[in-house]
């Protein structure tokens, strides 16, 4: 049977694990994660609950069939809900880092 090459990635706050694998054609994202050995190394990974999977930054189900050179990503759960954080900032009247601040005045062009 033909084989495909895939990568499995798991990013932690201080490091990133990247495992390159050869799997049989028809392998799923779950197969890749299981073959990577990351489940044994990081027992907190829970593919049926807390952790979601993606392929090249797009959410994917564990039973998604992989293609040659796919990168399976294991996502950690968010610490805080981004929507809730933005709402809280808005309620407190805080300016967010990107935009949202007072408009800068443009210097007037001097006519010569």
PDB file of N, CA and C in Angstrom:
ATOM      1  N   UNK A   1       0.844  -1.193   0.000  1.00  0.00           N
ATOM      2  CA  UNK A   1       0.000   0.000   0.000  1.00  0.00           C
ATOM      3  C   UNK A   1       0.882   1.246   0.000  1.00  0.00           C
ATOM      4  N   UNK A   2       0.420   2.307  -0.639  1.00  0.00           N
ATOM      5  CA  UNK A   2       1.181   3.553  -0.734  1.00  0.00           C
ATOM      6  C   UNK A   2       1.239   4.247   0.620  1.00  0.00           C
ATOM      7  N   UNK A   3       2.275   5.056   0.817  1.00  0.00           N
ATOM      8  CA  UNK A   3       2.419   5.796   2.070  1.00  0.00           C
ATOM      9  C   UNK A   3       2.358   7.297   1.801  1.00  0.00           C
ATOM     10  N   UNK A   4       2.036   8.026   2.859  1.00  0.00           N
ATOM     11  CA  UNK A   4       2.041   9.488   2.810  1.00  0.00           C
ATOM     12  C   UNK A   4       2.952   9.992   3.918  1.00  0.00           C
ATOM     13  N   UNK A   5       3.490  11.180   3.728  1.00  0.00           N
ATOM     14  CA  UNK A   5       4.296  11.819   4.771  1.00  0.00           C
ATOM     15  C   UNK A   5       3.474  12.939   5.393  1.00  0.00           C
ATOM     16  N   UNK A   6       3.426  12.974   6.719  1.00  0.00           N
ATOM     17  CA  UNK A   6       2.693  14.018   7.435  1.00  0.00           C
ATOM     18  C   UNK A   6       3.518  14.492   8.628  1.00  0.00           C
ATOM     19  N   UNK A   7       3.148  15.638   9.139  1.00  0.00           N
ATOM     20  CA  UNK A   7       3.752  16.163  10.366  1.00  0.00           C
ATOM     21  C   UNK A   7       2.651  16.294  11.407  1.00  0.00           C
ATOM     22  N   UNK A   8       3.012  16.072  12.659  1.00  0.00           N
ATOM     23  CA  UNK A   8       2.102  16.318  13.773  1.00  0.00           C
ATOM     24  C   UNK A   8       2.779  17.351  14.658  1.00  0.00           C
ATOM     25  N   UNK A   9       2.037  18.422  14.988  1.00  0.00           N
ATOM     26  CA  UNK A   9       2.602  19.531  15.746  1.00  0.00           C
ATOM     27  C   UNK A   9       1.781  19.766  17.011  1.00  0.00           C
ATOM     28  N   UNK A  10       2.495  19.980  18.116  1.00  0.00           N
ATOM     29  CA  UNK A  10       1.855  20.343  19.383  1.00  0.00           C
ATOM     30  C   UNK A  10       2.684  21.453  19.990  1.00  0.00           C
ATOM     31  N   UNK A  11       2.090  22.636  20.142  1.00  0.00           N
ATOM     32  CA  UNK A  11       2.820  23.785  20.665  1.00  0.00           C
ATOM     33  C   UNK A  11       2.470  24.014  22.130  1.00  0.00           C
ATOM     34  N   UNK A  12       3.515  24.130  22.927  1.00  0.00           N
ATOM     35  CA  UNK A  12       3.384  24.460  24.346  1.00  0.00           C
ATOM     36  C   UNK A  12       3.890  25.889  24.526  1.00  0.00           C
ATOM     37  N   UNK A  13       3.626  26.512  25.671  1.00  0.00           N
ATOM     38  CA  UNK A  13       4.087  27.891  25.852  1.00  0.00           C
ATOM     39  C   UNK A  13       5.597  28.069  25.648  1.00  0.00           C
ATOM     40  N   UNK A  14       6.404  27.102  26.047  1.00  0.00           N
ATOM     41  CA  UNK A  14       7.850  27.263  25.985  1.00  0.00           C
ATOM     42  C   UNK A  14       8.525  26.481  24.860  1.00  0.00           C
ATOM     43  N   UNK A  15       7.789  25.587  24.197  1.00  0.00           N
ATOM     44  CA  UNK A  15       8.419  24.771  23.160  1.00  0.00           C
ATOM     45  C   UNK A  15       7.375  24.251  22.186  1.00  0.00           C
ATOM     46  N   UNK A  16       7.873  23.712  21.085  1.00  0.00           N
ATOM     47  CA  UNK A  16       6.992  23.112  20.081  1.00  0.00           C
ATOM     48  C   UNK A  16       7.504  21.723  19.753  1.00  0.00           C
ATOM     49  N   UNK A  17       6.592  20.778  19.678  1.00  0.00           N
ATOM     50  CA  UNK A  17       6.934  19.416  19.270  1.00  0.00           C
ATOM     51  C   UNK A  17       6.498  19.248  17.824  1.00  0.00           C
ATOM     52  N   UNK A  18       7.406  18.795  16.979  1.00  0.00           N
ATOM     53  CA  UNK A  18       7.082  18.523  15.586  1.00  0.00           C
ATOM     54  C   UNK A  18       7.582  17.126  15.255  1.00  0.00           C
ATOM     55  N   UNK A  19       6.657  16.243  14.908  1.00  0.00           N
ATOM     56  CA  UNK A  19       6.989  14.853  14.605  1.00  0.00           C
ATOM     57  C   UNK A  19       6.668  14.583  13.137  1.00  0.00           C
ATOM     58  N   UNK A  20       7.636  14.085  12.398  1.00  0.00           N
ATOM     59  CA  UNK A  20       7.415  13.712  11.009  1.00  0.00           C
ATOM     60  C   UNK A  20       7.147  12.213  10.939  1.00  0.00           C
ATOM     61  N   UNK A  21       6.126  11.829  10.168  1.00  0.00           N
ATOM     62  CA  UNK A  21       5.711  10.427  10.099  1.00  0.00           C
ATOM     63  C   UNK A  21       5.473   9.982   8.658  1.00  0.00           C
ATOM     64  N   UNK A  22       5.600   8.688   8.448  1.00  0.00           N
ATOM     65  CA  UNK A  22       5.130   8.058   7.215  1.00  0.00           C
ATOM     66  C   UNK A  22       3.992   7.151   7.632  1.00  0.00           C
ATOM     67  N   UNK A  23       2.829   7.338   7.008  1.00  0.00           N
ATOM     68  CA  UNK A  23       1.641   6.551   7.323  1.00  0.00           C
ATOM     69  C   UNK A  23       1.078   5.943   6.049  1.00  0.00           C
ATOM     70  N   UNK A  24       0.248   4.941   6.206  1.00  0.00           N
ATOM     71  CA  UNK A  24      -0.410   4.354   5.049  1.00  0.00           C
ATOM     72  C   UNK A  24      -1.457   5.317   4.509  1.00  0.00           C
ATOM     73  N   UNK A  25      -1.641   5.317   3.203  1.00  0.00           N
ATOM     74  CA  UNK A  25      -2.682   6.126   2.594  1.00  0.00           C
ATOM     75  C   UNK A  25      -4.012   5.785   3.238  1.00  0.00           C
ATOM     76  N   UNK A  26      -4.848   6.786   3.477  1.00  0.00           N
ATOM     77  CA  UNK A  26      -6.135   6.549   4.131  1.00  0.00           C
ATOM     78  C   UNK A  26      -6.082   6.791   5.628  1.00  0.00           C
ATOM     79  N   UNK A  27      -4.900   7.114   6.162  1.00  0.00           N
ATOM     80  CA  UNK A  27      -4.769   7.381   7.600  1.00  0.00           C
ATOM     81  C   UNK A  27      -5.519   8.665   7.956  1.00  0.00           C
ATOM     82  N   UNK A  28      -6.035   8.702   9.173  1.00  0.00           N
ATOM     83  CA  UNK A  28      -6.782   9.870   9.644  1.00  0.00           C
ATOM     84  C   UNK A  28      -5.910  10.741  10.545  1.00  0.00           C
ATOM     85  N   UNK A  29      -6.441  11.907  10.886  1.00  0.00           N
ATOM     86  CA  UNK A  29      -5.734  12.809  11.790  1.00  0.00           C
ATOM     87  C   UNK A  29      -5.485  12.116  13.134  1.00  0.00           C
ATOM     88  N   UNK A  30      -6.480  11.378  13.623  1.00  0.00           N
ATOM     89  CA  UNK A  30      -6.316  10.653  14.881  1.00  0.00           C
ATOM     90  C   UNK A  30      -5.198   9.615  14.767  1.00  0.00           C
ATOM     91  N   UNK A  31      -5.152   8.895  13.640  1.00  0.00           N
ATOM     92  CA  UNK A  31      -4.088   7.908  13.427  1.00  0.00           C
ATOM     93  C   UNK A  31      -2.714   8.566  13.525  1.00  0.00           C
ATOM     94  N   UNK A  32      -2.599   9.748  12.934  1.00  0.00           N
ATOM     95  CA  UNK A  32      -1.316  10.452  12.938  1.00  0.00           C
ATOM     96  C   UNK A  32      -0.915  10.852  14.356  1.00  0.00           C
ATOM     97  N   UNK A  33      -1.863  11.384  15.119  1.00  0.00           N
ATOM     98  CA  UNK A  33      -1.562  11.799  16.495  1.00  0.00           C
ATOM     99  C   UNK A  33      -1.159  10.585  17.323  1.00  0.00           C
ATOM    100  N   UNK A  34      -1.889   9.496  17.162  1.00  0.00           N
ATOM    101  CA  UNK A  34      -1.562   8.285  17.922  1.00  0.00           C
ATOM    102  C   UNK A  34      -0.187   7.740  17.534  1.00  0.00           C
ATOM    103  N   UNK A  35       0.148   7.759  16.244  1.00  0.00           N
ATOM    104  CA  UNK A  35       1.435   7.248  15.774  1.00  0.00           C
ATOM    105  C   UNK A  35       2.597   8.158  16.168  1.00  0.00           C
ATOM    106  N   UNK A  36       2.294   9.425  16.451  1.00  0.00           N
ATOM    107  CA  UNK A  36       3.357  10.388  16.771  1.00  0.00           C
ATOM    108  C   UNK A  36       3.997  10.135  18.135  1.00  0.00           C
ATOM    109  N   UNK A  37       3.280   9.475  19.038  1.00  0.00           N
ATOM    110  CA  UNK A  37       3.789   9.249  20.390  1.00  0.00           C
ATOM    111  C   UNK A  37       3.531  10.414  21.338  1.00  0.00           C
ATOM    112  N   UNK A  38       2.903  11.480  20.838  1.00  0.00           N
ATOM    113  CA  UNK A  38       2.652  12.650  21.682  1.00  0.00           C
ATOM    114  C   UNK A  38       1.628  12.378  22.778  1.00  0.00           C
ATOM    115  N   UNK A  39       0.699  11.455  22.534  1.00  0.00           N
ATOM    116  CA  UNK A  39      -0.296  11.140  23.567  1.00  0.00           C
ATOM    117  C   UNK A  39       0.364  10.518  24.798  1.00  0.00           C
ATOM    118  N   UNK A  40       1.414   9.737  24.595  1.00  0.00           N
ATOM    119  CA  UNK A  40       2.143   9.145  25.715  1.00  0.00           C
ATOM    120  C   UNK A  40       3.016  10.162  26.418  1.00  0.00           C
ATOM    121  N   UNK A  41       3.592  11.069  25.647  1.00  0.00           N
ATOM    122  CA  UNK A  41       4.496  12.077  26.209  1.00  0.00           C
ATOM    123  C   UNK A  41       3.729  13.185  26.937  1.00  0.00           C
ATOM    124  N   UNK A  42       2.532  13.506  26.439  1.00  0.00           N
ATOM    125  CA  UNK A  42       1.705  14.559  27.036  1.00  0.00           C
ATOM    126  C   UNK A  42       0.324  13.986  27.353  1.00  0.00           C
ATOM    127  N   UNK A  43       0.164  13.350  28.520  1.00  0.00           N
ATOM    128  CA  UNK A  43      -1.111  12.705  28.856  1.00  0.00           C
ATOM    129  C   UNK A  43      -2.278  13.682  28.987  1.00  0.00           C
ATOM    130  N   UNK A  44      -2.005  14.984  29.054  1.00  0.00           N
ATOM    131  CA  UNK A  44      -3.088  15.962  29.160  1.00  0.00           C
ATOM    132  C   UNK A  44      -3.794  16.189  27.820  1.00  0.00           C
ATOM    133  N   UNK A  45      -3.249  15.666  26.717  1.00  0.00           N
ATOM    134  CA  UNK A  45      -3.924  15.788  25.425  1.00  0.00           C
ATOM    135  C   UNK A  45      -5.148  14.881  25.435  1.00  0.00           C
ATOM    136  N   UNK A  46      -6.302  15.474  25.128  1.00  0.00           N
ATOM    137  CA  UNK A  46      -7.568  14.730  25.120  1.00  0.00           C
ATOM    138  C   UNK A  46      -8.280  15.006  23.799  1.00  0.00           C
ATOM    139  N   UNK A  47      -8.124  14.106  22.851  1.00  0.00           N
ATOM    140  CA  UNK A  47      -8.700  14.309  21.520  1.00  0.00           C
ATOM    141  C   UNK A  47     -10.220  14.223  21.507  1.00  0.00           C
ATOM    142  N   UNK A  48     -10.807  13.612  22.530  1.00  0.00           N
ATOM    143  CA  UNK A  48     -12.260  13.489  22.581  1.00  0.00           C
ATOM    144  C   UNK A  48     -12.897  14.578  23.444  1.00  0.00           C
ATOM    145  N   UNK A  49     -12.111  15.499  23.905  1.00  0.00           N
ATOM    146  CA  UNK A  49     -12.657  16.535  24.790  1.00  0.00           C
ATOM    147  C   UNK A  49     -12.005  17.886  24.577  1.00  0.00           C
ATOM    148  N   UNK A  50     -11.031  18.180  25.419  1.00  0.00           N
ATOM    149  CA  UNK A  50     -10.446  19.519  25.496  1.00  0.00           C
ATOM    150  C   UNK A  50      -9.716  19.977  24.237  1.00  0.00           C
ATOM    151  N   UNK A  51      -8.984  19.090  23.597  1.00  0.00           N
ATOM    152  CA  UNK A  51      -8.132  19.489  22.478  1.00  0.00           C
ATOM    153  C   UNK A  51      -8.831  19.304  21.130  1.00  0.00           C
ATOM    154  N   UNK A  52      -8.660  20.303  20.287  1.00  0.00           N
ATOM    155  CA  UNK A  52      -9.178  20.211  18.926  1.00  0.00           C
ATOM    156  C   UNK A  52      -8.003  19.965  17.987  1.00  0.00           C
ATOM    157  N   UNK A  53      -8.309  19.495  16.797  1.00  0.00           N
ATOM    158  CA  UNK A  53      -7.285  19.246  15.793  1.00  0.00           C
ATOM    159  C   UNK A  53      -7.501  20.170  14.600  1.00  0.00           C
ATOM    160  N   UNK A  54      -6.415  20.428  13.907  1.00  0.00           N
ATOM    161  CA  UNK A  54      -6.502  21.206  12.680  1.00  0.00           C
ATOM    162  C   UNK A  54      -5.502  20.681  11.675  1.00  0.00           C
ATOM    163  N   UNK A  55      -5.740  21.032  10.419  1.00  0.00           N
ATOM    164  CA  UNK A  55      -4.791  20.728   9.358  1.00  0.00           C
ATOM    165  C   UNK A  55      -4.483  22.056   8.690  1.00  0.00           C
ATOM    166  N   UNK A  56      -3.226  22.456   8.787  1.00  0.00           N
ATOM    167  CA  UNK A  56      -2.787  23.755   8.266  1.00  0.00           C
ATOM    168  C   UNK A  56      -3.705  24.883   8.748  1.00  0.00           C
ATOM    169  N   UNK A  57      -3.912  24.974  10.054  1.00  0.00           N
ATOM    170  CA  UNK A  57      -4.637  26.062  10.726  1.00  0.00           C
ATOM    171  C   UNK A  57      -6.136  26.083  10.446  1.00  0.00           C
ATOM    172  N   UNK A  58      -6.688  25.019   9.887  1.00  0.00           N
ATOM    173  CA  UNK A  58      -8.134  24.924   9.708  1.00  0.00           C
ATOM    174  C   UNK A  58      -8.630  23.762  10.547  1.00  0.00           C
ATOM    175  N   UNK A  59      -9.658  24.012  11.356  1.00  0.00           N
ATOM    176  CA  UNK A  59     -10.192  22.956  12.215  1.00  0.00           C
ATOM    177  C   UNK A  59     -10.555  21.729  11.399  1.00  0.00           C
ATOM    178  N   UNK A  60     -10.261  20.571  11.946  1.00  0.00           N
ATOM    179  CA  UNK A  60     -10.552  19.306  11.274  1.00  0.00           C
ATOM    180  C   UNK A  60     -11.013  18.301  12.315  1.00  0.00           C
ATOM    181  N   UNK A  61     -11.815  17.357  11.884  1.00  0.00           N
ATOM    182  CA  UNK A  61     -12.260  16.293  12.785  1.00  0.00           C
ATOM    183  C   UNK A  61     -11.190  15.211  12.839  1.00  0.00           C
ATOM    184  N   UNK A  62     -11.211  14.459  13.915  1.00  0.00           N
ATOM    185  CA  UNK A  62     -10.208  13.410  14.108  1.00  0.00           C
ATOM    186  C   UNK A  62     -10.279  12.344  13.026  1.00  0.00           C
ATOM    187  N   UNK A  63     -11.446  12.169  12.401  1.00  0.00           N
ATOM    188  CA  UNK A  63     -11.573  11.139  11.369  1.00  0.00           C
ATOM    189  C   UNK A  63     -11.306  11.666   9.949  1.00  0.00           C
ATOM    190  N   UNK A  64     -10.771  12.887   9.840  1.00  0.00           N
ATOM    191  CA  UNK A  64     -10.425  13.449   8.535  1.00  0.00           C
ATOM    192  C   UNK A  64      -9.280  12.645   7.923  1.00  0.00           C
ATOM    193  N   UNK A  65      -9.457  12.211   6.695  1.00  0.00           N
ATOM    194  CA  UNK A  65      -8.420  11.451   5.994  1.00  0.00           C
ATOM    195  C   UNK A  65      -7.340  12.426   5.523  1.00  0.00           C
ATOM    196  N   UNK A  66      -6.092  12.056   5.799  1.00  0.00           N
ATOM    197  CA  UNK A  66      -4.967  12.928   5.489  1.00  0.00           C
ATOM    198  C   UNK A  66      -4.465  12.744   4.067  1.00  0.00           C
ATOM    199  N   UNK A  67      -3.809  13.801   3.574  1.00  0.00           N
ATOM    200  CA  UNK A  67      -3.147  13.746   2.276  1.00  0.00           C
ATOM    201  C   UNK A  67      -1.650  13.894   2.496  1.00  0.00           C
ATOM    202  N   UNK A  68      -0.887  13.546   1.483  1.00  0.00           N
ATOM    203  CA  UNK A  68       0.565  13.650   1.573  1.00  0.00           C
ATOM    204  C   UNK A  68       0.967  15.076   1.930  1.00  0.00           C
ATOM    205  N   UNK A  69       1.882  15.210   2.861  1.00  0.00           N
ATOM    206  CA  UNK A  69       2.457  16.480   3.335  1.00  0.00           C
ATOM    207  C   UNK A  69       1.511  17.340   4.169  1.00  0.00           C
ATOM    208  N   UNK A  70       0.423  16.775   4.687  1.00  0.00           N
ATOM    209  CA  UNK A  70      -0.441  17.518   5.605  1.00  0.00           C
ATOM    210  C   UNK A  70       0.285  17.738   6.926  1.00  0.00           C
ATOM    211  N   UNK A  71      -0.096  18.809   7.617  1.00  0.00           N
ATOM    212  CA  UNK A  71       0.430  19.073   8.961  1.00  0.00           C
ATOM    213  C   UNK A  71      -0.759  19.055   9.925  1.00  0.00           C
ATOM    214  N   UNK A  72      -0.771  18.060  10.812  1.00  0.00           N
ATOM    215  CA  UNK A  72      -1.841  17.936  11.802  1.00  0.00           C
ATOM    216  C   UNK A  72      -1.415  18.725  13.035  1.00  0.00           C
ATOM    217  N   UNK A  73      -2.279  19.628  13.467  1.00  0.00           N
ATOM    218  CA  UNK A  73      -1.969  20.479  14.611  1.00  0.00           C
ATOM    219  C   UNK A  73      -2.901  20.140  15.773  1.00  0.00           C
ATOM    220  N   UNK A  74      -2.323  19.985  16.937  1.00  0.00           N
ATOM    221  CA  UNK A  74      -3.108  19.725  18.147  1.00  0.00           C
ATOM    222  C   UNK A  74      -3.211  21.052  18.886  1.00  0.00           C
ATOM    223  N   UNK A  75      -4.429  21.539  19.046  1.00  0.00           N
ATOM    224  CA  UNK A  75      -4.635  22.838  19.690  1.00  0.00           C
ATOM    225  C   UNK A  75      -4.918  22.671  21.174  1.00  0.00           C
ATOM    226  N   UNK A  76      -4.271  23.525  21.983  1.00  0.00           N
ATOM    227  CA  UNK A  76      -4.557  23.553  23.417  1.00  0.00           C
ATOM    228  C   UNK A  76      -5.806  24.401  23.640  1.00  0.00           C
ATOM    229  N   UNK A  77      -6.552  24.137  24.712  1.00  0.00           N
ATOM    230  CA  UNK A  77      -7.740  24.953  24.989  1.00  0.00           C
ATOM    231  C   UNK A  77      -7.331  26.392  25.325  1.00  0.00           C
ATOM    232  N   UNK A  78      -8.211  27.326  24.992  1.00  0.00           N
ATOM    233  CA  UNK A  78      -7.948  28.732  25.309  1.00  0.00           C
ATOM    234  C   UNK A  78      -8.056  28.951  26.811  1.00  0.00           C
ATOM    235  N   UNK A  79      -7.193  29.805  27.321  1.00  0.00           N
ATOM    236  CA  UNK A  79      -7.233  30.140  28.751  1.00  0.00           C
ATOM    237  C   UNK A  79      -8.406  31.075  29.025  1.00  0.00           C
ATOM    238  N   UNK A  80      -8.621  32.033  28.118  1.00  0.00           N
ATOM    239  CA  UNK A  80      -9.716  32.987  28.275  1.00  0.00           C
ATOM    240  C   UNK A  80     -10.435  33.132  26.937  1.00  0.00           C
ATOM    241  N   UNK A  81     -11.729  33.355  26.992  1.00  0.00           N
ATOM    242  CA  UNK A  81     -12.517  33.547  25.786  1.00  0.00           C
ATOM    243  C   UNK A  81     -12.228  34.945  25.228  1.00  0.00           C
ATOM    244  N   UNK A  82     -11.700  35.050  24.000  1.00  0.00           N
ATOM    245  CA  UNK A  82     -11.346  36.356  23.442  1.00  0.00           C
ATOM    246  C   UNK A  82     -12.525  37.327  23.398  1.00  0.00           C
ATOM    247  N   UNK A  83     -13.720  36.835  23.110  1.00  0.00           N
ATOM    248  CA  UNK A  83     -14.890  37.720  23.067  1.00  0.00           C
ATOM    249  C   UNK A  83     -15.174  38.306  24.441  1.00  0.00           C
ATOM    250  N   UNK A  84     -15.074  37.478  25.468  1.00  0.00           N
ATOM    251  CA  UNK A  84     -15.336  37.949  26.827  1.00  0.00           C
ATOM    252  C   UNK A  84     -14.303  38.985  27.248  1.00  0.00           C
ATOM    253  N   UNK A  85     -13.046  38.776  26.860  1.00  0.00           N
ATOM    254  CA  UNK A  85     -11.981  39.726  27.208  1.00  0.00           C
ATOM    255  C   UNK A  85     -12.237  41.071  26.535  1.00  0.00           C
ATOM    256  N   UNK A  86     -12.615  41.058  25.245  1.00  0.00           N
ATOM    257  CA  UNK A  86     -12.900  42.316  24.537  1.00  0.00           C
ATOM    258  C   UNK A  86     -14.087  43.036  25.166  1.00  0.00           C
ATOM    259  N   UNK A  87     -15.131  42.269  25.526  1.00  0.00           N
ATOM    260  CA  UNK A  87     -16.304  42.875  26.155  1.00  0.00           C
ATOM    261  C   UNK A  87     -15.930  43.548  27.467  1.00  0.00           C
ATOM    262  N   UNK A  88     -15.100  42.853  28.247  1.00  0.00           N
ATOM    263  CA  UNK A  88     -14.693  43.390  29.549  1.00  0.00           C
ATOM    264  C   UNK A  88     -13.894  44.679  29.360  1.00  0.00           C
ATOM    265  N   UNK A  89     -12.967  44.668  28.395  1.00  0.00           N
ATOM    266  CA  UNK A  89     -12.185  45.879  28.121  1.00  0.00           C
ATOM    267  C   UNK A  89     -13.082  47.033  27.715  1.00  0.00           C
ATOM    268  N   UNK A  90     -14.046  46.752  26.855  1.00  0.00           N
ATOM    269  CA  UNK A  90     -14.952  47.800  26.390  1.00  0.00           C
ATOM    270  C   UNK A  90     -15.756  48.363  27.560  1.00  0.00           C
ATOM    271  N   UNK A  91     -16.207  47.476  28.442  1.00  0.00           N
ATOM    272  CA  UNK A  91     -16.985  47.920  29.591  1.00  0.00           C
ATOM    273  C   UNK A  91     -16.151  48.790  30.530  1.00  0.00           C
ATOM    274  N   UNK A  92     -14.859  48.495  30.611  1.00  0.00           N
ATOM    275  CA  UNK A  92     -13.982  49.271  31.485  1.00  0.00           C
ATOM    276  C   UNK A  92     -13.454  50.523  30.798  1.00  0.00           C
ATOM    277  N   UNK A  93     -13.749  50.659  29.511  1.00  0.00           N
ATOM    278  CA  UNK A  93     -13.316  51.841  28.774  1.00  0.00           C
ATOM    279  C   UNK A  93     -11.843  51.835  28.412  1.00  0.00           C
ATOM    280  N   UNK A  94     -11.222  50.676  28.397  1.00  0.00           N
ATOM    281  CA  UNK A  94      -9.796  50.598  28.068  1.00  0.00           C
ATOM    282  C   UNK A  94      -9.612  50.572  26.561  1.00  0.00           C
ATOM    283  N   UNK A  95      -8.527  51.180  26.126  1.00  0.00           N
ATOM    284  CA  UNK A  95      -8.203  51.193  24.705  1.00  0.00           C
ATOM    285  C   UNK A  95      -7.436  49.921  24.383  1.00  0.00           C
ATOM    286  N   UNK A  96      -7.827  49.266  23.302  1.00  0.00           N
ATOM    287  CA  UNK A  96      -7.121  48.058  22.897  1.00  0.00           C
ATOM    288  C   UNK A  96      -5.848  48.438  22.147  1.00  0.00           C
ATOM    289  N   UNK A  97      -4.879  47.519  22.114  1.00  0.00           N
ATOM    290  CA  UNK A  97      -3.589  47.805  21.501  1.00  0.00           C
ATOM    291  C   UNK A  97      -3.696  48.124  20.015  1.00  0.00           C
ATOM    292  N   UNK A  98      -4.462  47.345  19.272  1.00  0.00           N
ATOM    293  CA  UNK A  98      -4.582  47.562  17.833  1.00  0.00           C
ATOM    294  C   UNK A  98      -5.796  48.440  17.575  1.00  0.00           C
ATOM    295  N   UNK A  99      -5.567  49.686  17.197  1.00  0.00           N
ATOM    296  CA  UNK A  99      -6.674  50.576  16.876  1.00  0.00           C
ATOM    297  C   UNK A  99      -7.498  50.898  18.099  1.00  0.00           C
ATOM    298  N   UNK A 100      -8.613  51.538  17.877  1.00  0.00           N
ATOM    299  CA  UNK A 100      -9.526  51.828  18.960  1.00  0.00           C
ATOM    300  C   UNK A 100      -9.144  53.043  19.791  1.00  0.00           C
ATOM    301  N   UNK A 101      -7.972  53.615  19.529  1.00  0.00           N
ATOM    302  CA  UNK A 101      -7.518  54.775  20.289  1.00  0.00           C
ATOM    303  C   UNK A 101      -7.981  56.058  19.624  1.00  0.00           C
ATOM    304  N   UNK A 102      -7.692  57.176  20.256  1.00  0.00           N
ATOM    305  CA  UNK A 102      -8.087  58.453  19.666  1.00  0.00           C
ATOM    306  C   UNK A 102      -7.344  58.668  18.352  1.00  0.00           C
ATOM    307  N   UNK A 103      -8.022  59.269  17.406  1.00  0.00           N
ATOM    308  CA  UNK A 103      -7.415  59.508  16.098  1.00  0.00           C
ATOM    309  C   UNK A 103      -6.314  60.550  16.244  1.00  0.00           C
ATOM    310  N   UNK A 104      -5.205  60.294  15.609  1.00  0.00           N
ATOM    311  CA  UNK A 104      -4.108  61.260  15.648  1.00  0.00           C
ATOM    312  C   UNK A 104      -4.415  62.389  14.682  1.00  0.00           C
ATOM    313  N   UNK A 105      -4.057  63.597  15.105  1.00  0.00           N
ATOM    314  CA  UNK A 105      -4.287  64.731  14.219  1.00  0.00           C
ATOM    315  C   UNK A 105      -3.177  64.765  13.180  1.00  0.00           C
ATOM    316  N   UNK A 106      -3.583  64.989  11.921  1.00  0.00           N
ATOM    317  CA  UNK A 106      -2.597  65.054  10.852  1.00  0.00           C
ATOM    318  C   UNK A 106      -2.073  66.477  10.772  1.00  0.00           C
ATOM    319  N   UNK A 107      -0.755  66.623  10.605  1.00  0.00           N
ATOM    320  CA  UNK A 107      -0.220  67.978  10.474  1.00  0.00           C
ATOM    321  C   UNK A 107      -0.712  68.594   9.185  1.00  0.00           C
ATOM    322  N   UNK A 108      -1.028  69.900   9.266  1.00  0.00           N
ATOM    323  CA  UNK A 108      -1.544  70.562   8.081  1.00  0.00           C
ATOM    324  C   UNK A 108      -0.413  70.788   7.099  1.00  0.00           C
ATOM    325  N   UNK A 109      -0.746  70.633   5.838  1.00  0.00           N
ATOM    326  CA  UNK A 109       0.259  70.852   4.795  1.00  0.00           C
ATOM    327  C   UNK A 109       0.484  72.332   4.655  1.00  0.00           C
ATOM    328  N   UNK A 110       1.751  72.717   4.608  1.00  0.00           N
ATOM    329  CA  UNK A 110       2.035  74.151   4.468  1.00  0.00           C
ATOM    330  C   UNK A 110       2.099  74.485   2.986  1.00  0.00           C
ATOM    331  N   UNK A 111       1.432  75.545   2.636  1.00  0.00           N
ATOM    332  CA  UNK A 111       1.407  75.957   1.227  1.00  0.00           C
ATOM    333  C   UNK A 111       2.620  76.825   0.939  1.00  0.00           C
ATOM    334  N   UNK A 112       3.316  76.515  -0.147  1.00  0.00           N
ATOM    335  CA  UNK A 112       4.496  77.326  -0.464  1.00  0.00           C
ATOM    336  C   UNK A 112       4.371  77.921  -1.812  1.00  0.00           C
TER     337      UNK A 112
END
